[in-house]
Amino acid sequence: MNARPRAAAREGGQAAVPSGARPASSRGWPPRTAVVTGASSGIGREAALLLADQNCRSLLVGRNGAALDEVAAATQGHRIAVDLAGPGSEVTVASRASELLGDVDLLICSAGLGAAGPFDVMPPSAIQDLVAVNVLAPMMLVRAMLPAMLDRGQGRILLVGSIAGALGVRGEVAYSASKAAMVGFADALRSEVGGRGISVTLCLPGAVDTPFFHRRGAPYVRRWPRPIPAGLVAQRMLTATGRGDAEVWVPRWLSAAARVHGAAPSLYRRLAGVFG
């Protein structure tokens, strides 16, 4: 998606909204304010662009400062370049969000790390990095921002998982395990905050056409299914979050594979052995 012709915006370039100032419509959808991690590229970037089109003010979070500058310019959003795997980074992001945005209506945890290859030769450091970025980082950021949402009785949390977390993919053992943790996290958190004004939506996309595969060092080589546009994933997951859906599968037919996995695991394992 091309950048929108908007005026450039820098971190701290807009006036902060007092934490007590909450418009009467803030409980509805679209959100007035959002924090988006992984906003420098891929699904996170596309989500930030779509939110800007709905006049949502955002804090964009990522490690690539130059790329964040481009998205911030396109969305008139704030940005903060930070490695969410670093100790205390979640406090930094939450504090900055409160300072710049006031009440945060929507938290999107889209930042993620990939890895591929036989598990028996994967370096221990690569496994640790996957867990730090894909599991601990979103959990810690939600933990930092959830209390304020609960105090207001309003907030939406959108976690970007993966089909690999629901079904498991050979050649991506550690990655699948890290995304499976997000399935359990979303289910348990949703149950815990149910009835308290907080919705938790988990997005489970298949292969997505983003720089993800290049960064993990192994290209996507399957002929089917074809990678889908990141913009489509962002559009569908935001729509699902607005409805308060628990899960959204992109593309939708992937949920059929999960149903087979749950209802007939032996059959699923035989099919997975053939098709991968």
Protein backbone atom coordinates (compact mmCIF):
# COMPACT_ATOMS: atom_id res chain seq x y z
CA MET A 1 0.00 0.00 0.00
CA ASN A 2 1.39 3.41 -0.92
CA ALA A 3 1.81 6.09 1.68
CA ARG A 4 -1.04 8.55 1.97
CA PRO A 5 -0.28 12.19 1.10
CA ARG A 6 -0.35 13.42 4.68
CA ALA A 7 1.79 15.94 6.48
CA ALA A 8 4.86 14.56 8.21
CA ALA A 9 4.53 13.86 11.93
CA ARG A 10 7.28 13.34 14.43
CA GLU A 11 7.38 11.77 17.84
CA GLY A 12 5.89 14.30 20.23
CA GLY A 13 4.62 16.44 17.34
CA GLN A 14 1.00 16.51 18.52
CA ALA A 15 -0.45 17.82 21.73
CA ALA A 16 -1.02 15.18 24.37
CA VAL A 17 -4.60 14.42 25.36
CA PRO A 18 -5.20 14.59 29.11
CA SER A 19 -5.83 11.13 30.50
CA GLY A 20 -9.16 12.24 31.94
CA ALA A 21 -10.50 13.60 28.64
CA ARG A 22 -12.56 10.84 27.07
CA PRO A 23 -15.02 11.62 24.28
CA ALA A 24 -18.50 10.21 24.73
CA SER A 25 -18.02 8.06 21.62
CA SER A 26 -14.75 6.51 22.81
CA ARG A 27 -16.44 3.24 23.73
CA GLY A 28 -17.51 2.66 20.14
CA TRP A 29 -15.73 1.79 16.96
CA PRO A 30 -13.57 2.92 15.24
CA PRO A 31 -11.12 3.62 18.05
CA ARG A 32 -9.94 7.13 18.77
CA THR A 33 -6.45 6.03 19.88
CA ALA A 34 -4.27 2.97 19.27
CA VAL A 35 -0.85 1.52 19.96
CA VAL A 36 0.46 -0.60 17.08
CA THR A 37 3.56 -2.74 17.43
CA GLY A 38 5.38 -4.05 14.39
CA ALA A 39 4.19 -0.87 12.67
CA SER A 40 7.24 -0.39 10.46
CA SER A 41 6.19 -3.04 7.90
CA GLY A 42 3.78 -5.81 7.01
CA ILE A 43 0.49 -6.29 8.82
CA GLY A 44 1.26 -3.69 11.49
CA ARG A 45 2.01 -1.03 8.90
CA GLU A 46 -1.17 -1.75 6.98
CA ALA A 47 -3.22 -1.66 10.17
CA ALA A 48 -1.74 1.74 11.07
CA LEU A 49 -2.64 3.12 7.64
CA LEU A 50 -6.21 1.83 7.88
CA LEU A 51 -6.65 3.28 11.35
CA ALA A 52 -5.39 6.66 10.15
CA ASP A 53 -8.07 6.64 7.47
CA GLN A 54 -10.59 6.37 10.33
CA ASN A 55 -9.06 9.38 12.12
CA CYS A 56 -7.49 7.23 14.81
CA ARG A 57 -4.41 8.71 16.49
CA SER A 58 -1.71 6.10 16.91
CA LEU A 59 1.61 5.44 18.58
CA LEU A 60 3.64 3.34 16.16
CA VAL A 61 6.15 0.94 17.71
CA GLY A 62 9.00 -0.88 15.99
CA ARG A 63 12.74 -1.34 15.81
CA ASN A 64 13.35 0.30 12.42
CA GLY A 65 13.29 4.02 13.09
CA ALA A 66 13.61 5.07 9.45
CA ALA A 67 10.70 2.86 8.39
CA LEU A 68 8.63 4.14 11.31
CA ASP A 69 9.29 7.70 10.15
CA GLU A 70 7.72 6.85 6.79
CA VAL A 71 4.62 5.34 8.37
CA ALA A 72 4.34 8.21 10.84
CA ALA A 73 4.46 10.69 7.96
CA ALA A 74 1.73 8.77 6.14
CA THR A 75 -0.55 8.54 9.17
CA GLN A 76 0.26 11.71 11.12
CA GLY A 77 1.03 9.39 13.98
CA HIS A 78 3.62 9.32 16.73
CA ARG A 79 6.43 6.80 16.67
CA ILE A 80 8.83 5.22 19.10
CA ALA A 81 11.74 3.05 18.00
CA VAL A 82 12.28 0.38 20.63
CA ASP A 83 13.12 -3.31 20.86
CA LEU A 84 10.16 -4.82 22.71
CA ALA A 85 12.31 -7.79 23.73
CA GLY A 86 14.38 -5.47 25.91
CA PRO A 87 13.69 -5.42 29.67
CA GLY A 88 11.38 -2.59 30.64
CA SER A 89 10.49 -1.66 27.06
CA GLU A 90 6.80 -2.27 27.74
CA VAL A 91 6.83 0.36 30.49
CA THR A 92 8.46 2.83 28.12
CA VAL A 93 5.81 2.23 25.45
CA ALA A 94 2.90 2.37 27.90
CA SER A 95 4.16 5.60 29.46
CA ARG A 96 4.73 7.20 26.07
CA ALA A 97 1.27 6.15 24.92
CA SER A 98 -0.35 7.69 27.99
CA GLU A 99 1.62 10.91 27.52
CA LEU A 100 0.84 11.30 23.80
CA LEU A 101 -2.58 9.69 23.43
CA GLY A 102 -4.22 9.74 26.82
CA ASP A 103 -6.60 6.78 27.08
CA VAL A 104 -5.68 3.99 24.65
CA ASP A 105 -8.73 2.37 23.05
CA LEU A 106 -6.90 -0.29 21.02
CA LEU A 107 -3.66 -2.23 21.47
CA ILE A 108 -2.42 -4.17 18.43
CA CYS A 109 0.43 -6.60 19.09
CA SER A 110 1.70 -7.30 15.58
CA ALA A 111 5.46 -7.43 16.07
CA GLY A 112 6.88 -10.87 15.45
CA LEU A 113 9.98 -12.84 14.60
CA GLY A 114 10.26 -15.86 12.32
CA ALA A 115 12.62 -18.79 12.07
CA ALA A 116 12.74 -21.86 9.87
CA GLY A 117 14.83 -24.99 9.62
CA PRO A 118 15.29 -28.30 11.45
CA PHE A 119 14.74 -27.90 15.15
CA ASP A 120 17.68 -30.11 16.10
CA VAL A 121 20.18 -27.69 14.57
CA MET A 122 18.50 -24.43 15.56
CA PRO A 123 20.81 -22.34 17.75
CA PRO A 124 19.57 -21.93 21.32
CA SER A 125 19.89 -18.16 20.90
CA ALA A 126 17.40 -18.24 18.01
CA ILE A 127 14.87 -20.08 20.18
CA GLN A 128 15.35 -17.57 22.98
CA ASP A 129 14.86 -14.66 20.57
CA LEU A 130 11.62 -16.18 19.26
CA VAL A 131 10.19 -16.56 22.73
CA ALA A 132 11.29 -13.08 23.74
CA VAL A 133 9.72 -11.34 20.74
CA ASN A 134 6.69 -13.54 20.00
CA VAL A 135 5.63 -14.48 23.51
CA LEU A 136 7.10 -12.36 26.30
CA ALA A 137 6.95 -9.02 24.47
CA PRO A 138 3.20 -9.04 23.75
CA MET A 139 2.40 -10.49 27.18
CA MET A 140 4.43 -7.82 28.96
CA LEU A 141 2.97 -4.99 26.86
CA VAL A 142 -0.58 -6.18 27.50
CA ARG A 143 0.27 -6.44 31.20
CA ALA A 144 1.53 -2.84 31.15
CA MET A 145 -1.53 -1.40 29.38
CA LEU A 146 -4.37 -3.60 30.66
CA PRO A 147 -4.82 -2.01 34.11
CA ALA A 148 -5.73 1.38 32.62
CA MET A 149 -8.25 -0.29 30.29
CA LEU A 150 -9.79 -2.17 33.20
CA ASP A 151 -9.99 1.01 35.28
CA ARG A 152 -11.99 2.64 32.48
CA GLY A 153 -13.98 -0.50 31.73
CA GLN A 154 -13.16 -0.11 28.04
CA GLY A 155 -10.49 -1.36 25.65
CA ARG A 156 -9.71 -3.70 22.79
CA ILE A 157 -6.69 -5.97 22.44
CA LEU A 158 -5.75 -7.44 19.07
CA LEU A 159 -3.07 -10.15 19.02
CA VAL A 160 -1.57 -11.23 15.69
CA GLY A 161 -0.83 -14.94 15.84
CA SER A 162 -0.40 -17.45 13.04
CA ILE A 163 -1.95 -20.59 11.60
CA ALA A 164 1.30 -22.23 12.71
CA GLY A 165 0.24 -21.66 16.31
CA ALA A 166 -3.04 -23.50 15.80
CA LEU A 167 -1.82 -26.42 13.71
CA GLY A 168 1.96 -26.60 13.91
CA VAL A 169 4.18 -26.53 10.83
CA ARG A 170 7.14 -28.83 10.25
CA GLY A 171 10.33 -26.93 9.64
CA GLU A 172 8.97 -24.17 11.89
CA VAL A 173 8.85 -25.96 15.24
CA ALA A 174 10.03 -23.15 17.51
CA TYR A 175 8.00 -20.56 15.64
CA SER A 176 4.89 -22.73 15.84
CA ALA A 177 5.40 -23.18 19.58
CA SER A 178 5.77 -19.43 20.14
CA LYS A 179 2.56 -18.71 18.25
CA ALA A 180 0.74 -21.55 20.03
CA ALA A 181 1.51 -19.69 23.25
CA MET A 182 -0.49 -16.76 21.88
CA VAL A 183 -3.52 -19.01 21.36
CA GLY A 184 -3.49 -20.00 25.03
CA PHE A 185 -2.75 -16.44 26.13
CA ALA A 186 -5.67 -15.02 24.14
CA ASP A 187 -8.11 -17.67 25.35
CA ALA A 188 -7.19 -17.30 29.01
CA LEU A 189 -7.03 -13.50 28.94
CA ARG A 190 -10.40 -13.29 27.17
CA SER A 191 -11.94 -15.46 29.86
CA GLU A 192 -10.38 -13.44 32.66
CA VAL A 193 -11.46 -9.99 31.43
CA GLY A 194 -14.83 -11.08 30.03
CA GLY A 195 -17.64 -8.86 31.25
CA ARG A 196 -15.25 -6.08 32.22
CA GLY A 197 -15.43 -4.07 29.01
CA ILE A 198 -12.33 -5.53 27.37
CA SER A 199 -12.38 -7.54 24.13
CA VAL A 200 -9.52 -9.82 23.07
CA THR A 201 -9.27 -10.77 19.40
CA LEU A 202 -6.72 -13.23 18.00
CA CYS A 203 -5.86 -13.04 14.30
CA LEU A 204 -4.67 -16.31 12.74
CA PRO A 205 -3.31 -15.57 9.25
CA GLY A 206 -1.75 -18.03 6.85
CA ALA A 207 1.22 -17.10 4.69
CA VAL A 208 1.27 -13.33 4.22
CA ASP A 209 3.13 -11.36 1.54
CA THR A 210 5.46 -9.34 3.77
CA PRO A 211 9.24 -9.03 4.39
CA PHE A 212 8.76 -11.64 7.16
CA PHE A 213 10.17 -14.55 5.14
CA HIS A 214 13.17 -12.56 3.95
CA ARG A 215 14.01 -11.48 7.48
CA ARG A 216 13.80 -15.02 8.86
CA GLY A 217 16.38 -16.11 6.27
CA ALA A 218 14.22 -18.73 4.50
CA PRO A 219 11.89 -17.86 1.60
CA TYR A 220 8.34 -19.16 1.30
CA VAL A 221 8.63 -22.01 -1.20
CA ARG A 222 5.19 -23.64 -1.14
CA ARG A 223 3.17 -23.41 -4.33
CA TRP A 224 -0.03 -23.48 -2.30
CA PRO A 225 -1.49 -21.71 -0.47
CA ARG A 226 -0.33 -18.50 -2.07
CA PRO A 227 0.71 -15.67 0.27
CA ILE A 228 -2.06 -13.14 0.82
CA PRO A 229 -1.68 -9.34 0.93
CA ALA A 230 -0.91 -7.82 4.31
CA GLY A 231 -3.56 -5.19 3.69
CA LEU A 232 -6.26 -7.86 3.48
CA VAL A 233 -5.19 -9.33 6.81
CA ALA A 234 -5.17 -5.89 8.44
CA GLN A 235 -8.62 -5.08 7.08
CA ARG A 236 -10.21 -8.31 8.25
CA MET A 237 -8.61 -8.33 11.68
CA LEU A 238 -9.69 -4.75 12.37
CA THR A 239 -13.24 -5.54 11.25
CA ALA A 240 -13.28 -8.57 13.56
CA THR A 241 -11.93 -6.49 16.46
CA GLY A 242 -14.63 -3.90 15.90
CA ARG A 243 -17.24 -6.64 16.22
CA GLY A 244 -15.57 -8.04 19.32
CA ASP A 245 -14.88 -11.41 17.67
CA ALA A 246 -12.70 -13.86 19.57
CA GLU A 247 -10.82 -15.07 16.48
CA VAL A 248 -10.40 -14.22 12.82
CA TRP A 249 -8.84 -16.60 10.29
CA VAL A 250 -7.33 -15.12 7.14
CA PRO A 251 -8.13 -16.61 4.70
CA ARG A 252 -11.33 -17.96 6.26
CA TRP A 253 -10.97 -21.49 4.89
CA LEU A 254 -8.02 -22.08 7.23
CA SER A 255 -10.52 -22.57 10.04
CA ALA A 256 -11.65 -25.77 8.30
CA ALA A 257 -8.18 -27.25 8.77
CA ALA A 258 -8.38 -26.38 12.45
CA ARG A 259 -11.76 -28.08 12.75
CA VAL A 260 -10.33 -31.25 11.20
CA HIS A 261 -7.38 -30.99 13.58
CA GLY A 262 -9.72 -30.81 16.56
CA ALA A 263 -12.36 -33.32 15.47
CA ALA A 264 -10.17 -35.93 13.78
CA PRO A 265 -6.55 -35.47 14.89
CA SER A 266 -5.38 -38.79 13.44
CA LEU A 267 -6.76 -37.88 10.03
CA TYR A 268 -5.22 -34.44 10.27
CA ARG A 269 -1.79 -35.90 11.08
CA ARG A 270 -1.99 -38.21 8.06
CA LEU A 271 -2.93 -35.32 5.80
CA ALA A 272 -0.20 -33.13 7.27
CA GLY A 273 2.31 -35.89 6.61
CA VAL A 274 1.37 -35.77 2.93
CA PHE A 275 0.84 -32.04 2.39
CA GLY A 276 3.03 -30.59 5.11
